């Protein structure tokens, strides 16, 4: 479960970076 949480956090971070680059 913790690994899933870390993955979700990483995906959110990636999404945030993508929006920032836009």
Protein backbone atom coordinates (compact mmCIF):
# COMPACT_ATOMS: atom_id res chain seq x y z
CA UNK A 1 0.00 0.00 0.00
CA UNK A 2 2.85 2.37 0.84
CA UNK A 3 4.46 1.71 -2.54
CA UNK A 4 1.19 2.58 -4.27
CA UNK A 5 1.03 5.84 -2.32
CA UNK A 6 4.58 6.72 -3.37
CA UNK A 7 3.73 5.97 -7.00
CA UNK A 8 0.63 8.14 -6.83
CA UNK A 9 2.65 10.96 -5.31
CA UNK A 10 5.25 10.61 -8.07
CA UNK A 11 2.57 10.74 -10.77
CA UNK A 12 1.06 13.86 -9.17
CA UNK A 13 4.51 15.45 -9.13
CA UNK A 14 5.03 14.61 -12.81
CA UNK A 15 1.64 16.05 -13.69
CA UNK A 16 2.44 19.23 -11.75
CA UNK A 17 5.76 19.59 -13.58
CA UNK A 18 4.05 19.09 -16.93
CA UNK A 19 1.53 21.82 -16.16
CA UNK A 20 4.33 24.12 -15.01
CA UNK A 21 6.20 23.55 -18.27
CA UNK A 22 3.10 24.52 -20.21
